[in-house]
PDB file of all heavy atoms in Angstrom:
ATOM      1  N   THR A   1      -6.588  12.278  10.969  1.00  0.00           N
ATOM      2  CA  THR A   1      -5.433  11.949  10.139  1.00  0.00           C
ATOM      3  C   THR A   1      -4.755  10.624  10.468  1.00  0.00           C
ATOM      4  O   THR A   1      -4.519   9.801   9.589  1.00  0.00           O
ATOM      5  CB  THR A   1      -4.380  13.078  10.255  1.00  0.00           C
ATOM      6  OG1 THR A   1      -4.972  14.320   9.880  1.00  0.00           O
ATOM      7  CG2 THR A   1      -3.190  12.805   9.353  1.00  0.00           C
ATOM      8  N   ASP A   2      -4.413  10.413  11.723  1.00  0.00           N
ATOM      9  CA  ASP A   2      -3.423   9.410  12.095  1.00  0.00           C
ATOM     10  C   ASP A   2      -3.740   8.001  11.581  1.00  0.00           C
ATOM     11  O   ASP A   2      -2.940   7.395  10.862  1.00  0.00           O
ATOM     12  CB  ASP A   2      -3.257   9.389  13.613  1.00  0.00           C
ATOM     13  CG  ASP A   2      -1.946   8.760  14.040  1.00  0.00           C
ATOM     14  OD1 ASP A   2      -0.890   9.322  13.713  1.00  0.00           O
ATOM     15  OD2 ASP A   2      -1.978   7.701  14.679  1.00  0.00           O
ATOM     16  N   ASN A   3      -4.889   7.461  11.936  1.00  0.00           N
ATOM     17  CA  ASN A   3      -5.209   6.094  11.530  1.00  0.00           C
ATOM     18  C   ASN A   3      -5.320   5.961  10.015  1.00  0.00           C
ATOM     19  O   ASN A   3      -4.826   4.997   9.425  1.00  0.00           O
ATOM     20  CB  ASN A   3      -6.509   5.637  12.196  1.00  0.00           C
ATOM     21  CG  ASN A   3      -6.335   5.328  13.669  1.00  0.00           C
ATOM     22  OD1 ASN A   3      -5.240   4.994  14.119  1.00  0.00           O
ATOM     23  ND2 ASN A   3      -7.405   5.454  14.437  1.00  0.00           N
ATOM     24  N   THR A   4      -5.960   6.937   9.380  1.00  0.00           N
ATOM     25  CA  THR A   4      -6.094   6.890   7.925  1.00  0.00           C
ATOM     26  C   THR A   4      -4.739   7.001   7.238  1.00  0.00           C
ATOM     27  O   THR A   4      -4.468   6.287   6.265  1.00  0.00           O
ATOM     28  CB  THR A   4      -7.020   8.016   7.432  1.00  0.00           C
ATOM     29  OG1 THR A   4      -8.288   7.892   8.071  1.00  0.00           O
ATOM     30  CG2 THR A   4      -7.202   7.951   5.932  1.00  0.00           C
ATOM     31  N   ALA A   5      -3.889   7.875   7.742  1.00  0.00           N
ATOM     32  CA  ALA A   5      -2.565   8.055   7.141  1.00  0.00           C
ATOM     33  C   ALA A   5      -1.760   6.766   7.185  1.00  0.00           C
ATOM     34  O   ALA A   5      -1.139   6.373   6.184  1.00  0.00           O
ATOM     35  CB  ALA A   5      -1.809   9.169   7.875  1.00  0.00           C
ATOM     36  N   HIS A   6      -1.763   6.101   8.337  1.00  0.00           N
ATOM     37  CA  HIS A   6      -1.029   4.838   8.431  1.00  0.00           C
ATOM     38  C   HIS A   6      -1.679   3.762   7.562  1.00  0.00           C
ATOM     39  O   HIS A   6      -0.975   2.899   7.012  1.00  0.00           O
ATOM     40  CB  HIS A   6      -0.942   4.389   9.886  1.00  0.00           C
ATOM     41  CG  HIS A   6       0.023   5.192  10.698  1.00  0.00           C
ATOM     42  ND1 HIS A   6       1.392   5.124  10.502  1.00  0.00           N
ATOM     43  CD2 HIS A   6      -0.169   6.097  11.695  1.00  0.00           C
ATOM     44  CE1 HIS A   6       1.997   5.949  11.345  1.00  0.00           C
ATOM     45  NE2 HIS A   6       1.074   6.550  12.071  1.00  0.00           N
ATOM     46  N   GLY A   7      -3.008   3.827   7.410  1.00  0.00           N
ATOM     47  CA  GLY A   7      -3.674   2.895   6.510  1.00  0.00           C
ATOM     48  C   GLY A   7      -3.264   3.113   5.064  1.00  0.00           C
ATOM     49  O   GLY A   7      -2.969   2.158   4.332  1.00  0.00           O
ATOM     50  N   ILE A   8      -3.229   4.371   4.627  1.00  0.00           N
ATOM     51  CA  ILE A   8      -2.795   4.694   3.263  1.00  0.00           C
ATOM     52  C   ILE A   8      -1.370   4.212   3.033  1.00  0.00           C
ATOM     53  O   ILE A   8      -1.071   3.549   2.026  1.00  0.00           O
ATOM     54  CB  ILE A   8      -2.883   6.216   3.024  1.00  0.00           C
ATOM     55  CG1 ILE A   8      -4.336   6.686   3.025  1.00  0.00           C
ATOM     56  CG2 ILE A   8      -2.203   6.591   1.699  1.00  0.00           C
ATOM     57  CD1 ILE A   8      -4.491   8.201   3.054  1.00  0.00           C
ATOM     58  N   ALA A   9      -0.485   4.541   3.961  1.00  0.00           N
ATOM     59  CA  ALA A   9       0.925   4.185   3.803  1.00  0.00           C
ATOM     60  C   ALA A   9       1.130   2.673   3.823  1.00  0.00           C
ATOM     61  O   ALA A   9       1.943   2.136   3.051  1.00  0.00           O
ATOM     62  CB  ALA A   9       1.749   4.844   4.914  1.00  0.00           C
ATOM     63  N   THR A  10       0.400   1.976   4.684  1.00  0.00           N
ATOM     64  CA  THR A  10       0.538   0.523   4.766  1.00  0.00           C
ATOM     65  C   THR A  10       0.110  -0.143   3.468  1.00  0.00           C
ATOM     66  O   THR A  10       0.808  -1.018   2.941  1.00  0.00           O
ATOM     67  CB  THR A  10      -0.294  -0.034   5.936  1.00  0.00           C
ATOM     68  OG1 THR A  10       0.194   0.504   7.166  1.00  0.00           O
ATOM     69  CG2 THR A  10      -0.210  -1.553   5.987  1.00  0.00           C
ATOM     70  N   VAL A  11      -1.026   0.260   2.936  1.00  0.00           N
ATOM     71  CA  VAL A  11      -1.527  -0.370   1.714  1.00  0.00           C
ATOM     72  C   VAL A  11      -0.601  -0.082   0.535  1.00  0.00           C
ATOM     73  O   VAL A  11      -0.254  -0.990  -0.235  1.00  0.00           O
ATOM     74  CB  VAL A  11      -2.961   0.093   1.414  1.00  0.00           C
ATOM     75  CG1 VAL A  11      -3.404  -0.390   0.032  1.00  0.00           C
ATOM     76  CG2 VAL A  11      -3.926  -0.424   2.481  1.00  0.00           C
ATOM     77  N   ILE A  12      -0.171   1.172   0.399  1.00  0.00           N
ATOM     78  CA  ILE A  12       0.766   1.497  -0.679  1.00  0.00           C
ATOM     79  C   ILE A  12       2.051   0.686  -0.532  1.00  0.00           C
ATOM     80  O   ILE A  12       2.563   0.112  -1.505  1.00  0.00           O
ATOM     81  CB  ILE A  12       1.073   3.002  -0.695  1.00  0.00           C
ATOM     82  CG1 ILE A  12      -0.160   3.804  -1.095  1.00  0.00           C
ATOM     83  CG2 ILE A  12       2.239   3.311  -1.656  1.00  0.00           C
ATOM     84  CD1 ILE A  12       0.011   5.303  -0.953  1.00  0.00           C
ATOM     85  N   GLY A  13       2.575   0.637   0.677  1.00  0.00           N
ATOM     86  CA  GLY A  13       3.812  -0.096   0.912  1.00  0.00           C
ATOM     87  C   GLY A  13       3.683  -1.571   0.618  1.00  0.00           C
ATOM     88  O   GLY A  13       4.571  -2.185  -0.010  1.00  0.00           O
ATOM     89  N   ARG A  14       2.588  -2.185   1.053  1.00  0.00           N
ATOM     90  CA  ARG A  14       2.387  -3.618   0.833  1.00  0.00           C
ATOM     91  C   ARG A  14       2.205  -3.938  -0.651  1.00  0.00           C
ATOM     92  O   ARG A  14       2.701  -4.958  -1.137  1.00  0.00           O
ATOM     93  CB  ARG A  14       1.171  -4.109   1.624  1.00  0.00           C
ATOM     94  CG  ARG A  14       1.361  -4.128   3.131  1.00  0.00           C
ATOM     95  CD  ARG A  14       2.523  -4.988   3.540  1.00  0.00           C
ATOM     96  NE  ARG A  14       2.669  -5.069   4.986  1.00  0.00           N
ATOM     97  CZ  ARG A  14       3.775  -5.452   5.614  1.00  0.00           C
ATOM     98  NH1 ARG A  14       4.854  -5.786   4.906  1.00  0.00           N
ATOM     99  NH2 ARG A  14       3.820  -5.497   6.921  1.00  0.00           N
ATOM    100  N   LEU A  15       1.488  -3.093  -1.365  1.00  0.00           N
ATOM    101  CA  LEU A  15       1.294  -3.343  -2.789  1.00  0.00           C
ATOM    102  C   LEU A  15       2.569  -3.076  -3.583  1.00  0.00           C
ATOM    103  O   LEU A  15       2.977  -3.877  -4.426  1.00  0.00           O
ATOM    104  CB  LEU A  15       0.152  -2.472  -3.327  1.00  0.00           C
ATOM    105  CG  LEU A  15      -1.256  -2.814  -2.855  1.00  0.00           C
ATOM    106  CD1 LEU A  15      -2.260  -1.795  -3.394  1.00  0.00           C
ATOM    107  CD2 LEU A  15      -1.657  -4.222  -3.280  1.00  0.00           C
ATOM    108  N   ALA A  16       3.229  -1.957  -3.301  1.00  0.00           N
ATOM    109  CA  ALA A  16       4.416  -1.582  -4.072  1.00  0.00           C
ATOM    110  C   ALA A  16       5.616  -2.463  -3.772  1.00  0.00           C
ATOM    111  O   ALA A  16       6.555  -2.530  -4.571  1.00  0.00           O
ATOM    112  CB  ALA A  16       4.770  -0.117  -3.796  1.00  0.00           C
ATOM    113  N   SER A  17       5.607  -3.139  -2.629  1.00  0.00           N
ATOM    114  CA  SER A  17       6.739  -4.008  -2.280  1.00  0.00           C
ATOM    115  C   SER A  17       6.713  -5.330  -3.045  1.00  0.00           C
ATOM    116  O   SER A  17       7.686  -6.091  -3.019  1.00  0.00           O
ATOM    117  CB  SER A  17       6.758  -4.292  -0.776  1.00  0.00           C
ATOM    118  OG  SER A  17       5.594  -5.004  -0.389  1.00  0.00           O
ATOM    119  N   ASP A  18       5.610  -5.604  -3.722  1.00  0.00           N
ATOM    120  CA  ASP A  18       5.472  -6.832  -4.504  1.00  0.00           C
ATOM    121  C   ASP A  18       5.054  -6.438  -5.922  1.00  0.00           C
ATOM    122  O   ASP A  18       3.914  -6.027  -6.148  1.00  0.00           O
ATOM    123  CB  ASP A  18       4.427  -7.746  -3.861  1.00  0.00           C
ATOM    124  CG  ASP A  18       4.341  -9.110  -4.536  1.00  0.00           C
ATOM    125  OD1 ASP A  18       4.263  -9.151  -5.787  1.00  0.00           O
ATOM    126  OD2 ASP A  18       4.327 -10.135  -3.824  1.00  0.00           O
ATOM    127  N   ARG A  19       5.967  -6.540  -6.863  1.00  0.00           N
ATOM    128  CA  ARG A  19       5.690  -6.060  -8.218  1.00  0.00           C
ATOM    129  C   ARG A  19       4.504  -6.778  -8.852  1.00  0.00           C
ATOM    130  O   ARG A  19       3.750  -6.184  -9.641  1.00  0.00           O
ATOM    131  CB  ARG A  19       6.940  -6.230  -9.095  1.00  0.00           C
ATOM    132  CG  ARG A  19       6.862  -5.447 -10.410  1.00  0.00           C
ATOM    133  CD  ARG A  19       6.754  -3.953 -10.146  1.00  0.00           C
ATOM    134  NE  ARG A  19       6.112  -3.236 -11.251  1.00  0.00           N
ATOM    135  CZ  ARG A  19       5.827  -1.949 -11.233  1.00  0.00           C
ATOM    136  NH1 ARG A  19       6.100  -1.213 -10.179  1.00  0.00           N
ATOM    137  NH2 ARG A  19       5.248  -1.368 -12.270  1.00  0.00           N
ATOM    138  N   GLN A  20       4.309  -8.038  -8.506  1.00  0.00           N
ATOM    139  CA  GLN A  20       3.188  -8.777  -9.068  1.00  0.00           C
ATOM    140  C   GLN A  20       1.856  -8.196  -8.585  1.00  0.00           C
ATOM    141  O   GLN A  20       0.899  -8.064  -9.359  1.00  0.00           O
ATOM    142  CB  GLN A  20       3.292 -10.251  -8.683  1.00  0.00           C
ATOM    143  CG  GLN A  20       2.256 -11.129  -9.360  1.00  0.00           C
ATOM    144  CD  GLN A  20       2.482 -12.609  -9.080  1.00  0.00           C
ATOM    145  OE1 GLN A  20       3.351 -12.988  -8.303  1.00  0.00           O
ATOM    146  NE2 GLN A  20       1.699 -13.457  -9.709  1.00  0.00           N
ATOM    147  N   ARG A  21       1.811  -7.833  -7.299  1.00  0.00           N
ATOM    148  CA  ARG A  21       0.589  -7.231  -6.760  1.00  0.00           C
ATOM    149  C   ARG A  21       0.330  -5.876  -7.417  1.00  0.00           C
ATOM    150  O   ARG A  21      -0.805  -5.549  -7.766  1.00  0.00           O
ATOM    151  CB  ARG A  21       0.710  -7.038  -5.244  1.00  0.00           C
ATOM    152  CG  ARG A  21       0.811  -8.320  -4.455  1.00  0.00           C
ATOM    153  CD  ARG A  21       0.880  -8.007  -2.963  1.00  0.00           C
ATOM    154  NE  ARG A  21       1.126  -9.202  -2.182  1.00  0.00           N
ATOM    155  CZ  ARG A  21       1.218  -9.237  -0.858  1.00  0.00           C
ATOM    156  NH1 ARG A  21       1.076  -8.100  -0.169  1.00  0.00           N
ATOM    157  NH2 ARG A  21       1.441 -10.368  -0.217  1.00  0.00           N
ATOM    158  N   TRP A  22       1.395  -5.090  -7.553  1.00  0.00           N
ATOM    159  CA  TRP A  22       1.273  -3.762  -8.156  1.00  0.00           C
ATOM    160  C   TRP A  22       0.773  -3.863  -9.594  1.00  0.00           C
ATOM    161  O   TRP A  22      -0.124  -3.131 -10.019  1.00  0.00           O
ATOM    162  CB  TRP A  22       2.628  -3.061  -8.096  1.00  0.00           C
ATOM    163  CG  TRP A  22       2.623  -1.603  -8.445  1.00  0.00           C
ATOM    164  CD1 TRP A  22       3.084  -1.021  -9.587  1.00  0.00           C
ATOM    165  CD2 TRP A  22       2.147  -0.523  -7.624  1.00  0.00           C
ATOM    166  NE1 TRP A  22       2.935   0.338  -9.530  1.00  0.00           N
ATOM    167  CE2 TRP A  22       2.361   0.683  -8.336  1.00  0.00           C
ATOM    168  CE3 TRP A  22       1.569  -0.457  -6.359  1.00  0.00           C
ATOM    169  CZ2 TRP A  22       2.018   1.931  -7.833  1.00  0.00           C
ATOM    170  CZ3 TRP A  22       1.223   0.786  -5.855  1.00  0.00           C
ATOM    171  CH2 TRP A  22       1.447   1.964  -6.580  1.00  0.00           C
ATOM    172  N   GLN A  23       1.356  -4.808 -10.343  1.00  0.00           N
ATOM    173  CA  GLN A  23       0.962  -4.980 -11.742  1.00  0.00           C
ATOM    174  C   GLN A  23      -0.482  -5.464 -11.849  1.00  0.00           C
ATOM    175  O   GLN A  23      -1.201  -5.104 -12.791  1.00  0.00           O
ATOM    176  CB  GLN A  23       1.895  -5.976 -12.433  1.00  0.00           C
ATOM    177  CG  GLN A  23       1.752  -6.003 -13.955  1.00  0.00           C
ATOM    178  CD  GLN A  23       2.087  -4.656 -14.594  1.00  0.00           C
ATOM    179  OE1 GLN A  23       3.099  -4.035 -14.272  1.00  0.00           O
ATOM    180  NE2 GLN A  23       1.209  -4.196 -15.494  1.00  0.00           N
ATOM    181  N   GLN A  24      -0.892  -6.265 -10.883  1.00  0.00           N
ATOM    182  CA  GLN A  24      -2.259  -6.790 -10.912  1.00  0.00           C
ATOM    183  C   GLN A  24      -3.296  -5.667 -10.846  1.00  0.00           C
ATOM    184  O   GLN A  24      -4.293  -5.685 -11.573  1.00  0.00           O
ATOM    185  CB  GLN A  24      -2.475  -7.771  -9.760  1.00  0.00           C
ATOM    186  CG  GLN A  24      -3.828  -8.472  -9.792  1.00  0.00           C
ATOM    187  CD  GLN A  24      -3.990  -9.456  -8.649  1.00  0.00           C
ATOM    188  OE1 GLN A  24      -3.537  -9.214  -7.527  1.00  0.00           O
ATOM    189  NE2 GLN A  24      -4.632 -10.588  -8.914  1.00  0.00           N
ATOM    190  N   VAL A  25      -3.067  -4.676  -9.979  1.00  0.00           N
ATOM    191  CA  VAL A  25      -4.044  -3.581  -9.885  1.00  0.00           C
ATOM    192  C   VAL A  25      -3.884  -2.594 -11.040  1.00  0.00           C
ATOM    193  O   VAL A  25      -4.829  -1.868 -11.368  1.00  0.00           O
ATOM    194  CB  VAL A  25      -3.966  -2.849  -8.524  1.00  0.00           C
ATOM    195  CG1 VAL A  25      -4.503  -3.737  -7.429  1.00  0.00           C
ATOM    196  CG2 VAL A  25      -2.568  -2.376  -8.211  1.00  0.00           C
TER     197      VAL A  25
END
């Protein structure tokens, strides 16, 4: 769980924190 969970959360956080990145995907 641990490494994957932090990976999931990091990627979601990084993408969602920038609306342009979120809209791109």
